[in-house]
Amino acid sequence: MKEVVQISRNPSAGPDLQELVSRVALGDEDAFAGVYDAVVSPVTGVVRAVLRDQAQSEEVAQEVLVEVWRTSPRYRPDVGTAINWILTLAHRRAVDRVRSVDAAAAREHKAALLEQLPEYDEVAEHVEARLEREQVRRCLRTLTELQHQAVTLAYYRGLTYREVAEALAVPLGTAKTRLRDGLIRLRDCLGVTA
C-alpha cells in the first residue's frame, strides 16, 4: 500500500519540500506526488506570467514537473530552497518557450517573404541574352576585317595570340595590336566603362 505524503507548514506534521525533493532524487514516486501537489500551482503561475496563454502554460508546467523528476538529483540545498530551484526551472522553461515561439514565427515570416519573391523569369533572361548577343554582333561588324578575324579567333575559338598570328599569317605583334584595337572598339561600342 502506498504511503500518502502531505506537505505541512508544521515540520512535525510531515516532510518539507526540500526533504521530498531529496526523496524524489532517489526515485520515490510518492514523494514526487507530494512535490507535485505542493508546486503545481506556483509553477503554473510563474509560467502563465511569462507565456500569458493558458494551454501553453499548462503544457510547460507539466514539462517543468517532469524536469523536476528527471533532474532532482542535481538539486543542491546549499545553493537555495527547493521551491526557488523549481520556480527557476519553471521560469527558464517558459522563457525558452517564448524564444522558441518567436523563432518559429520569424522562420515562418521569412518563408512567407521568400514565397512572395518573383520566380526566376526564364523568358526575360533569354530575351536579355539574345539582345546582348545581337548588340555584340552589331559591334563586331564595326571592326576592320583583320580586327574582326583576330577577335573571333581568340574569343570564339579560344586561340592564343601566337595561334591567331599563325592563322592570320601576320607577325605576333601585329596580331596583338589588332586584338587590342578590336577590343577597345568593342568596349566603346558596347558602352562598357574601363
N, C-alpha and C. Protein backbone atom coordinates (compact mmCIF):
# COMPACT_ATOMS: atom_id res chain seq x y z
N MET A 1 0.84 -1.16 0.00
CA MET A 1 0.00 0.00 0.00
C MET A 1 0.89 1.24 0.00
N LYS A 2 0.51 2.23 -0.86
CA LYS A 2 1.31 3.45 -0.97
C LYS A 2 1.04 4.38 0.19
N GLU A 3 2.11 5.03 0.61
CA GLU A 3 2.02 6.00 1.70
C GLU A 3 1.53 7.33 1.12
N VAL A 4 0.63 7.98 1.75
CA VAL A 4 0.15 9.29 1.32
C VAL A 4 1.05 10.34 1.95
N VAL A 5 1.62 11.18 1.07
CA VAL A 5 2.55 12.19 1.53
C VAL A 5 1.82 13.52 1.53
N GLN A 6 1.89 14.20 2.65
CA GLN A 6 1.28 15.53 2.75
C GLN A 6 2.35 16.50 3.20
N ILE A 7 2.28 17.69 2.59
CA ILE A 7 3.23 18.72 2.98
C ILE A 7 2.51 19.63 3.94
N SER A 8 3.19 19.92 4.98
CA SER A 8 2.58 20.77 6.00
C SER A 8 3.54 21.89 6.33
N ARG A 9 3.00 23.00 6.73
CA ARG A 9 3.83 24.12 7.17
C ARG A 9 4.47 23.79 8.52
N ASN A 10 3.89 22.86 9.20
CA ASN A 10 4.40 22.43 10.50
C ASN A 10 5.37 21.27 10.28
N PRO A 11 6.66 21.46 10.54
CA PRO A 11 7.65 20.43 10.27
C PRO A 11 7.37 19.12 10.99
N SER A 12 6.74 19.14 12.10
CA SER A 12 6.49 17.90 12.83
C SER A 12 5.34 17.10 12.20
N ALA A 13 4.54 17.75 11.31
CA ALA A 13 3.40 17.08 10.71
C ALA A 13 3.81 16.23 9.51
N GLY A 14 4.97 16.40 8.93
CA GLY A 14 5.38 15.62 7.78
C GLY A 14 6.60 16.22 7.12
N PRO A 15 7.03 15.61 6.00
CA PRO A 15 8.25 16.08 5.33
C PRO A 15 8.03 17.44 4.66
N ASP A 16 9.10 18.25 4.65
CA ASP A 16 9.02 19.52 3.93
C ASP A 16 9.43 19.31 2.48
N LEU A 17 9.28 20.34 1.66
CA LEU A 17 9.53 20.25 0.22
C LEU A 17 10.97 19.84 -0.07
N GLN A 18 11.90 20.38 0.67
CA GLN A 18 13.31 20.05 0.45
C GLN A 18 13.55 18.55 0.69
N GLU A 19 12.97 18.02 1.73
CA GLU A 19 13.12 16.59 2.02
C GLU A 19 12.45 15.76 0.93
N LEU A 20 11.29 16.21 0.45
CA LEU A 20 10.59 15.48 -0.61
C LEU A 20 11.43 15.45 -1.89
N VAL A 21 12.03 16.57 -2.24
CA VAL A 21 12.87 16.62 -3.44
C VAL A 21 14.06 15.67 -3.27
N SER A 22 14.61 15.59 -2.08
CA SER A 22 15.72 14.67 -1.83
C SER A 22 15.26 13.22 -2.03
N ARG A 23 14.04 12.93 -1.61
CA ARG A 23 13.50 11.58 -1.79
C ARG A 23 13.17 11.31 -3.27
N VAL A 24 12.72 12.34 -3.96
CA VAL A 24 12.45 12.20 -5.40
C VAL A 24 13.76 11.86 -6.12
N ALA A 25 14.85 12.45 -5.70
CA ALA A 25 16.15 12.17 -6.30
C ALA A 25 16.52 10.70 -6.19
N LEU A 26 15.95 10.03 -5.19
CA LEU A 26 16.20 8.59 -5.01
C LEU A 26 15.16 7.74 -5.75
N GLY A 27 14.25 8.40 -6.46
CA GLY A 27 13.25 7.67 -7.23
C GLY A 27 11.95 7.41 -6.50
N ASP A 28 11.68 8.10 -5.42
CA ASP A 28 10.47 7.90 -4.62
C ASP A 28 9.28 8.57 -5.31
N GLU A 29 8.39 7.75 -5.88
CA GLU A 29 7.23 8.26 -6.61
C GLU A 29 6.23 8.94 -5.69
N ASP A 30 6.06 8.42 -4.49
CA ASP A 30 5.14 9.04 -3.54
C ASP A 30 5.63 10.43 -3.15
N ALA A 31 6.93 10.57 -2.98
CA ALA A 31 7.49 11.88 -2.66
C ALA A 31 7.25 12.84 -3.83
N PHE A 32 7.36 12.32 -5.05
CA PHE A 32 7.10 13.17 -6.22
C PHE A 32 5.65 13.64 -6.24
N ALA A 33 4.74 12.77 -5.88
CA ALA A 33 3.33 13.17 -5.81
C ALA A 33 3.16 14.33 -4.83
N GLY A 34 3.86 14.28 -3.72
CA GLY A 34 3.82 15.37 -2.74
C GLY A 34 4.42 16.65 -3.30
N VAL A 35 5.55 16.51 -4.01
CA VAL A 35 6.18 17.68 -4.63
C VAL A 35 5.22 18.28 -5.66
N TYR A 36 4.64 17.42 -6.45
CA TYR A 36 3.70 17.86 -7.49
C TYR A 36 2.57 18.68 -6.87
N ASP A 37 1.93 18.11 -5.88
CA ASP A 37 0.80 18.79 -5.23
C ASP A 37 1.22 20.13 -4.64
N ALA A 38 2.42 20.20 -4.12
CA ALA A 38 2.88 21.42 -3.46
C ALA A 38 3.27 22.52 -4.43
N VAL A 39 3.77 22.16 -5.63
CA VAL A 39 4.33 23.18 -6.51
C VAL A 39 3.57 23.41 -7.80
N VAL A 40 2.58 22.59 -8.13
CA VAL A 40 1.92 22.73 -9.42
C VAL A 40 1.29 24.11 -9.58
N SER A 41 0.68 24.64 -8.56
CA SER A 41 0.05 25.97 -8.67
C SER A 41 1.08 27.09 -8.83
N PRO A 42 2.11 27.15 -7.98
CA PRO A 42 3.10 28.22 -8.18
C PRO A 42 3.84 28.10 -9.51
N VAL A 43 4.14 26.88 -9.93
CA VAL A 43 4.83 26.67 -11.22
C VAL A 43 3.95 27.19 -12.35
N THR A 44 2.68 26.81 -12.34
CA THR A 44 1.76 27.26 -13.39
C THR A 44 1.64 28.78 -13.37
N GLY A 45 1.61 29.37 -12.20
CA GLY A 45 1.54 30.83 -12.09
C GLY A 45 2.74 31.53 -12.69
N VAL A 46 3.94 31.03 -12.40
CA VAL A 46 5.16 31.62 -12.97
C VAL A 46 5.16 31.48 -14.49
N VAL A 47 4.80 30.30 -14.95
CA VAL A 47 4.80 30.05 -16.39
C VAL A 47 3.76 30.93 -17.08
N ARG A 48 2.57 31.02 -16.49
CA ARG A 48 1.50 31.82 -17.11
C ARG A 48 1.88 33.30 -17.14
N ALA A 49 2.61 33.77 -16.14
CA ALA A 49 3.04 35.17 -16.13
C ALA A 49 3.96 35.47 -17.32
N VAL A 50 4.72 34.47 -17.75
CA VAL A 50 5.64 34.66 -18.89
C VAL A 50 4.92 34.43 -20.21
N LEU A 51 4.14 33.35 -20.29
CA LEU A 51 3.53 32.96 -21.56
C LEU A 51 2.19 33.64 -21.85
N ARG A 52 1.41 33.89 -20.83
CA ARG A 52 0.09 34.51 -20.97
C ARG A 52 -0.88 33.70 -21.83
N ASP A 53 -0.67 32.43 -21.93
CA ASP A 53 -1.56 31.55 -22.68
C ASP A 53 -1.84 30.33 -21.82
N GLN A 54 -3.11 30.09 -21.53
CA GLN A 54 -3.50 29.02 -20.60
C GLN A 54 -3.01 27.66 -21.07
N ALA A 55 -3.28 27.30 -22.32
CA ALA A 55 -2.93 25.96 -22.82
C ALA A 55 -1.42 25.75 -22.80
N GLN A 56 -0.68 26.73 -23.30
CA GLN A 56 0.78 26.59 -23.30
C GLN A 56 1.33 26.58 -21.88
N SER A 57 0.71 27.36 -21.00
CA SER A 57 1.17 27.41 -19.61
C SER A 57 1.04 26.05 -18.96
N GLU A 58 -0.08 25.39 -19.18
CA GLU A 58 -0.28 24.07 -18.59
C GLU A 58 0.71 23.06 -19.16
N GLU A 59 0.94 23.15 -20.47
CA GLU A 59 1.89 22.24 -21.11
C GLU A 59 3.30 22.43 -20.56
N VAL A 60 3.73 23.69 -20.46
CA VAL A 60 5.08 23.98 -19.96
C VAL A 60 5.18 23.61 -18.48
N ALA A 61 4.13 23.84 -17.70
CA ALA A 61 4.15 23.45 -16.28
C ALA A 61 4.37 21.95 -16.16
N GLN A 62 3.72 21.17 -17.00
CA GLN A 62 3.92 19.72 -16.97
C GLN A 62 5.36 19.36 -17.34
N GLU A 63 5.91 20.05 -18.34
CA GLU A 63 7.30 19.81 -18.73
C GLU A 63 8.24 20.12 -17.56
N VAL A 64 7.94 21.18 -16.83
CA VAL A 64 8.78 21.57 -15.68
C VAL A 64 8.73 20.48 -14.62
N LEU A 65 7.56 19.97 -14.35
CA LEU A 65 7.44 18.94 -13.31
C LEU A 65 8.13 17.65 -13.74
N VAL A 66 8.09 17.34 -15.01
CA VAL A 66 8.85 16.18 -15.50
C VAL A 66 10.35 16.45 -15.32
N GLU A 67 10.74 17.69 -15.60
CA GLU A 67 12.15 18.05 -15.42
C GLU A 67 12.56 17.95 -13.94
N VAL A 68 11.67 18.32 -13.04
CA VAL A 68 11.95 18.17 -11.60
C VAL A 68 12.21 16.70 -11.29
N TRP A 69 11.39 15.81 -11.83
CA TRP A 69 11.57 14.37 -11.59
C TRP A 69 12.93 13.90 -12.13
N ARG A 70 13.26 14.34 -13.36
CA ARG A 70 14.50 13.89 -14.00
C ARG A 70 15.75 14.49 -13.36
N THR A 71 15.67 15.77 -12.98
CA THR A 71 16.89 16.46 -12.54
C THR A 71 16.99 16.64 -11.03
N SER A 72 16.09 16.05 -10.29
CA SER A 72 16.13 16.22 -8.83
C SER A 72 17.46 15.80 -8.20
N PRO A 73 18.19 14.83 -8.76
CA PRO A 73 19.50 14.53 -8.17
C PRO A 73 20.48 15.70 -8.25
N ARG A 74 20.22 16.67 -9.12
CA ARG A 74 21.12 17.82 -9.25
C ARG A 74 20.77 18.95 -8.29
N TYR A 75 19.64 18.83 -7.64
CA TYR A 75 19.25 19.89 -6.70
C TYR A 75 20.24 19.94 -5.55
N ARG A 76 20.68 21.18 -5.23
CA ARG A 76 21.64 21.37 -4.14
C ARG A 76 21.02 22.28 -3.09
N PRO A 77 20.67 21.72 -1.94
CA PRO A 77 20.04 22.52 -0.88
C PRO A 77 20.92 23.66 -0.38
N ASP A 78 22.25 23.51 -0.52
CA ASP A 78 23.14 24.55 -0.03
C ASP A 78 23.11 25.81 -0.93
N VAL A 79 22.55 25.68 -2.13
CA VAL A 79 22.50 26.81 -3.06
C VAL A 79 21.21 27.60 -2.89
N GLY A 80 20.11 26.92 -2.57
CA GLY A 80 18.84 27.61 -2.41
C GLY A 80 17.75 26.65 -2.02
N THR A 81 16.58 27.20 -1.76
CA THR A 81 15.46 26.35 -1.34
C THR A 81 14.92 25.57 -2.52
N ALA A 82 14.21 24.50 -2.21
CA ALA A 82 13.64 23.64 -3.25
C ALA A 82 12.63 24.41 -4.09
N ILE A 83 11.79 25.21 -3.46
CA ILE A 83 10.78 25.95 -4.21
C ILE A 83 11.43 26.96 -5.15
N ASN A 84 12.49 27.61 -4.71
CA ASN A 84 13.20 28.55 -5.59
C ASN A 84 13.83 27.82 -6.77
N TRP A 85 14.40 26.66 -6.52
CA TRP A 85 15.00 25.86 -7.60
C TRP A 85 13.93 25.48 -8.63
N ILE A 86 12.79 25.01 -8.15
CA ILE A 86 11.71 24.58 -9.05
C ILE A 86 11.14 25.77 -9.82
N LEU A 87 10.94 26.90 -9.15
CA LEU A 87 10.39 28.07 -9.84
C LEU A 87 11.39 28.66 -10.84
N THR A 88 12.68 28.51 -10.54
CA THR A 88 13.69 28.93 -11.51
C THR A 88 13.63 28.05 -12.76
N LEU A 89 13.47 26.74 -12.55
CA LEU A 89 13.29 25.84 -13.69
C LEU A 89 12.07 26.25 -14.51
N ALA A 90 10.98 26.60 -13.81
CA ALA A 90 9.74 26.98 -14.49
C ALA A 90 9.95 28.26 -15.31
N HIS A 91 10.58 29.23 -14.72
CA HIS A 91 10.80 30.50 -15.43
C HIS A 91 11.68 30.28 -16.66
N ARG A 92 12.75 29.53 -16.50
CA ARG A 92 13.65 29.27 -17.64
C ARG A 92 12.92 28.53 -18.75
N ARG A 93 12.14 27.54 -18.39
CA ARG A 93 11.42 26.77 -19.40
C ARG A 93 10.40 27.66 -20.12
N ALA A 94 9.73 28.54 -19.39
CA ALA A 94 8.76 29.44 -20.01
C ALA A 94 9.45 30.42 -20.96
N VAL A 95 10.59 30.95 -20.55
CA VAL A 95 11.34 31.86 -21.43
C VAL A 95 11.81 31.13 -22.67
N ASP A 96 12.27 29.88 -22.50
CA ASP A 96 12.68 29.07 -23.65
C ASP A 96 11.52 28.90 -24.62
N ARG A 97 10.32 28.69 -24.09
CA ARG A 97 9.15 28.51 -24.95
C ARG A 97 8.86 29.80 -25.73
N VAL A 98 8.96 30.93 -25.05
CA VAL A 98 8.73 32.21 -25.73
C VAL A 98 9.74 32.38 -26.86
N ARG A 99 11.00 32.10 -26.57
CA ARG A 99 12.04 32.23 -27.60
C ARG A 99 11.78 31.27 -28.75
N SER A 100 11.37 30.06 -28.43
CA SER A 100 11.08 29.07 -29.46
C SER A 100 9.92 29.52 -30.35
N VAL A 101 8.88 30.04 -29.71
CA VAL A 101 7.72 30.53 -30.48
C VAL A 101 8.13 31.72 -31.34
N ASP A 102 8.91 32.63 -30.77
CA ASP A 102 9.37 33.79 -31.54
C ASP A 102 10.24 33.36 -32.72
N ALA A 103 11.13 32.40 -32.50
CA ALA A 103 11.99 31.91 -33.58
C ALA A 103 11.16 31.24 -34.67
N ALA A 104 10.16 30.47 -34.28
CA ALA A 104 9.29 29.82 -35.26
C ALA A 104 8.53 30.86 -36.06
N ALA A 105 8.04 31.89 -35.39
CA ALA A 105 7.32 32.96 -36.09
C ALA A 105 8.24 33.68 -37.07
N ALA A 106 9.48 33.91 -36.65
CA ALA A 106 10.45 34.58 -37.54
C ALA A 106 10.74 33.70 -38.76
N ARG A 107 10.88 32.38 -38.54
CA ARG A 107 11.12 31.47 -39.67
C ARG A 107 9.93 31.48 -40.62
N GLU A 108 8.72 31.45 -40.08
CA GLU A 108 7.53 31.47 -40.92
C GLU A 108 7.43 32.78 -41.70
N HIS A 109 7.76 33.88 -41.04
CA HIS A 109 7.72 35.18 -41.71
C HIS A 109 8.74 35.21 -42.86
N LYS A 110 9.92 34.70 -42.59
CA LYS A 110 10.97 34.67 -43.62
C LYS A 110 10.54 33.79 -44.79
N ALA A 111 9.93 32.64 -44.48
CA ALA A 111 9.46 31.75 -45.54
C ALA A 111 8.37 32.42 -46.36
N ALA A 112 7.48 33.16 -45.71
CA ALA A 112 6.42 33.86 -46.42
C ALA A 112 7.00 34.93 -47.34
N LEU A 113 8.03 35.63 -46.86
CA LEU A 113 8.67 36.64 -47.71
C LEU A 113 9.34 35.99 -48.92
N LEU A 114 9.96 34.84 -48.70
CA LEU A 114 10.61 34.15 -49.82
C LEU A 114 9.59 33.69 -50.85
N GLU A 115 8.40 33.30 -50.38
CA GLU A 115 7.36 32.87 -51.31
C GLU A 115 6.85 34.04 -52.14
N GLN A 116 6.96 35.26 -51.62
CA GLN A 116 6.48 36.43 -52.33
C GLN A 116 7.46 36.91 -53.40
N LEU A 117 8.71 36.47 -53.32
CA LEU A 117 9.70 36.88 -54.31
C LEU A 117 9.29 36.36 -55.68
N PRO A 118 9.47 37.16 -56.70
CA PRO A 118 9.11 36.68 -58.04
C PRO A 118 10.01 35.51 -58.43
N GLU A 119 9.42 34.58 -59.11
CA GLU A 119 10.19 33.43 -59.56
C GLU A 119 11.15 33.86 -60.66
N TYR A 120 12.12 33.05 -60.90
CA TYR A 120 13.10 33.30 -61.94
C TYR A 120 12.36 33.41 -63.27
N ASP A 121 12.57 34.52 -63.96
CA ASP A 121 11.88 34.76 -65.22
C ASP A 121 12.77 34.28 -66.36
N GLU A 122 12.56 33.05 -66.76
CA GLU A 122 13.40 32.44 -67.78
C GLU A 122 13.25 33.15 -69.12
N VAL A 123 12.05 33.56 -69.47
CA VAL A 123 11.80 34.24 -70.74
C VAL A 123 12.57 35.55 -70.79
N ALA A 124 12.49 36.32 -69.71
CA ALA A 124 13.20 37.60 -69.68
C ALA A 124 14.70 37.39 -69.80
N GLU A 125 15.21 36.36 -69.14
CA GLU A 125 16.65 36.07 -69.23
C GLU A 125 17.05 35.71 -70.66
N HIS A 126 16.23 34.91 -71.33
CA HIS A 126 16.54 34.55 -72.73
C HIS A 126 16.49 35.77 -73.63
N VAL A 127 15.49 36.62 -73.45
CA VAL A 127 15.38 37.83 -74.27
C VAL A 127 16.58 38.73 -74.04
N GLU A 128 16.95 38.92 -72.77
CA GLU A 128 18.09 39.77 -72.44
C GLU A 128 19.38 39.21 -73.06
N ALA A 129 19.58 37.90 -72.94
CA ALA A 129 20.78 37.28 -73.51
C ALA A 129 20.80 37.44 -75.03
N ARG A 130 19.63 37.30 -75.65
CA ARG A 130 19.55 37.43 -77.11
C ARG A 130 19.87 38.87 -77.53
N LEU A 131 19.34 39.85 -76.80
CA LEU A 131 19.63 41.25 -77.11
C LEU A 131 21.11 41.55 -76.95
N GLU A 132 21.73 40.99 -75.92
CA GLU A 132 23.16 41.19 -75.72
C GLU A 132 23.97 40.59 -76.87
N ARG A 133 23.57 39.39 -77.30
CA ARG A 133 24.27 38.75 -78.43
C ARG A 133 24.13 39.59 -79.70
N GLU A 134 22.93 40.12 -79.93
CA GLU A 134 22.70 40.96 -81.11
C GLU A 134 23.56 42.22 -81.05
N GLN A 135 23.68 42.81 -79.87
CA GLN A 135 24.49 44.01 -79.72
C GLN A 135 25.96 43.69 -79.99
N VAL A 136 26.44 42.54 -79.49
CA VAL A 136 27.82 42.15 -79.74
C VAL A 136 28.04 41.93 -81.23
N ARG A 137 27.11 41.26 -81.91
CA ARG A 137 27.25 41.04 -83.36
C ARG A 137 27.29 42.36 -84.11
N ARG A 138 26.41 43.29 -83.72
CA ARG A 138 26.37 44.60 -84.37
C ARG A 138 27.71 45.31 -84.17
N CYS A 139 28.26 45.25 -82.97
CA CYS A 139 29.54 45.90 -82.70
C CYS A 139 30.69 45.21 -83.42
N LEU A 140 30.61 43.89 -83.56
CA LEU A 140 31.66 43.17 -84.30
C LEU A 140 31.71 43.63 -85.76
N ARG A 141 30.56 44.00 -86.31
CA ARG A 141 30.51 44.45 -87.71
C ARG A 141 31.20 45.81 -87.89
N THR A 142 31.44 46.55 -86.80
CA THR A 142 32.12 47.85 -86.90
C THR A 142 33.64 47.70 -86.95
N LEU A 143 34.15 46.49 -86.69
CA LEU A 143 35.60 46.27 -86.68
C LEU A 143 36.13 46.12 -88.10
N THR A 144 37.44 46.39 -88.25
CA THR A 144 38.08 46.12 -89.54
C THR A 144 38.12 44.61 -89.74
N GLU A 145 38.36 44.18 -90.94
CA GLU A 145 38.37 42.73 -91.22
C GLU A 145 39.42 42.01 -90.38
N LEU A 146 40.63 42.57 -90.27
CA LEU A 146 41.70 41.93 -89.51
C LEU A 146 41.35 41.91 -88.01
N GLN A 147 40.76 43.00 -87.48
CA GLN A 147 40.35 43.04 -86.07
C GLN A 147 39.26 42.00 -85.82
N HIS A 148 38.29 41.95 -86.75
CA HIS A 148 37.16 41.00 -86.60
C HIS A 148 37.68 39.57 -86.58
N GLN A 149 38.58 39.26 -87.51
CA GLN A 149 39.13 37.91 -87.57
C GLN A 149 39.93 37.58 -86.30
N ALA A 150 40.74 38.51 -85.83
CA ALA A 150 41.59 38.28 -84.65
C ALA A 150 40.71 38.06 -83.41
N VAL A 151 39.69 38.91 -83.22
CA VAL A 151 38.80 38.78 -82.06
C VAL A 151 38.03 37.47 -82.14
N THR A 152 37.54 37.12 -83.32
CA THR A 152 36.77 35.89 -83.49
C THR A 152 37.63 34.67 -83.19
N LEU A 153 38.85 34.65 -83.70
CA LEU A 153 39.74 33.50 -83.45
C LEU A 153 40.11 33.40 -81.96
N ALA A 154 40.37 34.53 -81.33
CA ALA A 154 40.82 34.50 -79.93
C ALA A 154 39.66 34.19 -78.97
N TYR A 155 38.51 34.83 -79.18
CA TYR A 155 37.45 34.72 -78.18
C TYR A 155 36.37 33.69 -78.50
N TYR A 156 36.18 33.41 -79.77
CA TYR A 156 35.16 32.41 -80.10
C TYR A 156 35.74 31.03 -80.37
N ARG A 157 37.02 31.00 -80.77
CA ARG A 157 37.66 29.70 -81.00
C ARG A 157 38.68 29.37 -79.93
N GLY A 158 39.03 30.35 -79.08
CA GLY A 158 39.92 30.10 -77.95
C GLY A 158 41.39 29.99 -78.32
N LEU A 159 41.81 30.60 -79.42
CA LEU A 159 43.21 30.52 -79.83
C LEU A 159 44.06 31.51 -79.03
N THR A 160 45.32 31.18 -78.86
CA THR A 160 46.27 32.07 -78.17
C THR A 160 46.72 33.14 -79.16
N TYR A 161 47.45 34.17 -78.65
CA TYR A 161 47.98 35.21 -79.52
C TYR A 161 48.81 34.60 -80.65
N ARG A 162 49.71 33.67 -80.28
CA ARG A 162 50.60 33.05 -81.27
C ARG A 162 49.78 32.30 -82.32
N GLU A 163 48.76 31.57 -81.89
CA GLU A 163 47.92 30.81 -82.83
C GLU A 163 47.12 31.75 -83.72
N VAL A 164 46.66 32.88 -83.18
CA VAL A 164 45.95 33.88 -84.00
C VAL A 164 46.91 34.43 -85.06
N ALA A 165 48.14 34.75 -84.65
CA ALA A 165 49.13 35.29 -85.59
C ALA A 165 49.41 34.28 -86.70
N GLU A 166 49.55 33.01 -86.37
CA GLU A 166 49.80 31.98 -87.37
C GLU A 166 48.60 31.81 -88.30
N ALA A 167 47.39 31.83 -87.74
CA ALA A 167 46.18 31.65 -88.56
C ALA A 167 45.99 32.81 -89.53
N LEU A 168 46.36 34.01 -89.13
CA LEU A 168 46.20 35.19 -89.98
C LEU A 168 47.45 35.47 -90.81
N ALA A 169 48.52 34.70 -90.58
CA ALA A 169 49.79 34.86 -91.29
C ALA A 169 50.33 36.29 -91.13
N VAL A 170 50.33 36.75 -89.86
CA VAL A 170 50.88 38.07 -89.55
C VAL A 170 51.85 37.90 -88.38
N PRO A 171 52.73 38.88 -88.19
CA PRO A 171 53.64 38.80 -87.05
C PRO A 171 52.85 38.83 -85.73
N LEU A 172 53.44 38.27 -84.69
CA LEU A 172 52.79 38.18 -83.38
C LEU A 172 52.40 39.56 -82.87
N GLY A 173 53.27 40.54 -83.00
CA GLY A 173 52.99 41.90 -82.53
C GLY A 173 51.78 42.49 -83.24
N THR A 174 51.65 42.22 -84.54
CA THR A 174 50.52 42.74 -85.31
C THR A 174 49.22 42.10 -84.82
N ALA A 175 49.25 40.80 -84.56
CA ALA A 175 48.06 40.10 -84.06
C ALA A 175 47.63 40.68 -82.71
N LYS A 176 48.60 40.92 -81.85
CA LYS A 176 48.29 41.50 -80.54
C LYS A 176 47.69 42.90 -80.69
N THR A 177 48.27 43.71 -81.58
CA THR A 177 47.77 45.07 -81.78
C THR A 177 46.35 45.04 -82.33
N ARG A 178 46.08 44.16 -83.30
CA ARG A 178 44.74 44.07 -83.89
C ARG A 178 43.72 43.62 -82.84
N LEU A 179 44.12 42.67 -82.00
CA LEU A 179 43.22 42.21 -80.92
C LEU A 179 42.95 43.35 -79.94
N ARG A 180 43.99 44.06 -79.52
CA ARG A 180 43.81 45.15 -78.57
C ARG A 180 42.93 46.24 -79.16
N ASP A 181 43.21 46.65 -80.38
CA ASP A 181 42.41 47.70 -81.03
C ASP A 181 40.96 47.24 -81.21
N GLY A 182 40.78 45.98 -81.58
CA GLY A 182 39.43 45.45 -81.77
C GLY A 182 38.64 45.43 -80.46
N LEU A 183 39.30 45.04 -79.38
CA LEU A 183 38.63 45.00 -78.08
C LEU A 183 38.28 46.40 -77.58
N ILE A 184 39.16 47.37 -77.86
CA ILE A 184 38.86 48.76 -77.47
C ILE A 184 37.63 49.26 -78.23
N ARG A 185 37.56 48.97 -79.51
CA ARG A 185 36.40 49.40 -80.31
C ARG A 185 35.13 48.70 -79.83
N LEU A 186 35.23 47.41 -79.50
CA LEU A 186 34.07 46.69 -78.97
C LEU A 186 33.60 47.29 -77.65
N ARG A 187 34.57 47.58 -76.78
CA ARG A 187 34.23 48.16 -75.49
C ARG A 187 33.50 49.49 -75.67
N ASP A 188 33.99 50.33 -76.56
CA ASP A 188 33.36 51.62 -76.80
C ASP A 188 31.97 51.44 -77.41
N CYS A 189 31.84 50.52 -78.32
CA CYS A 189 30.55 50.28 -78.99
C CYS A 189 29.51 49.75 -78.00
N LEU A 190 29.96 48.86 -77.10
CA LEU A 190 29.03 48.25 -76.13
C LEU A 190 28.73 49.17 -74.95
N GLY A 191 29.50 50.28 -74.85
CA GLY A 191 29.25 51.21 -73.76
C GLY A 191 29.79 50.73 -72.42
N VAL A 192 30.81 49.86 -72.45
CA VAL A 192 31.40 49.35 -71.24
C VAL A 192 32.45 50.35 -70.77
N THR A 193 32.40 50.70 -69.48
CA THR A 193 33.40 51.62 -68.96
C THR A 193 34.61 50.84 -68.48
N ALA A 194 35.78 51.42 -68.68
CA ALA A 194 37.03 50.75 -68.33
C ALA A 194 37.25 50.67 -66.87
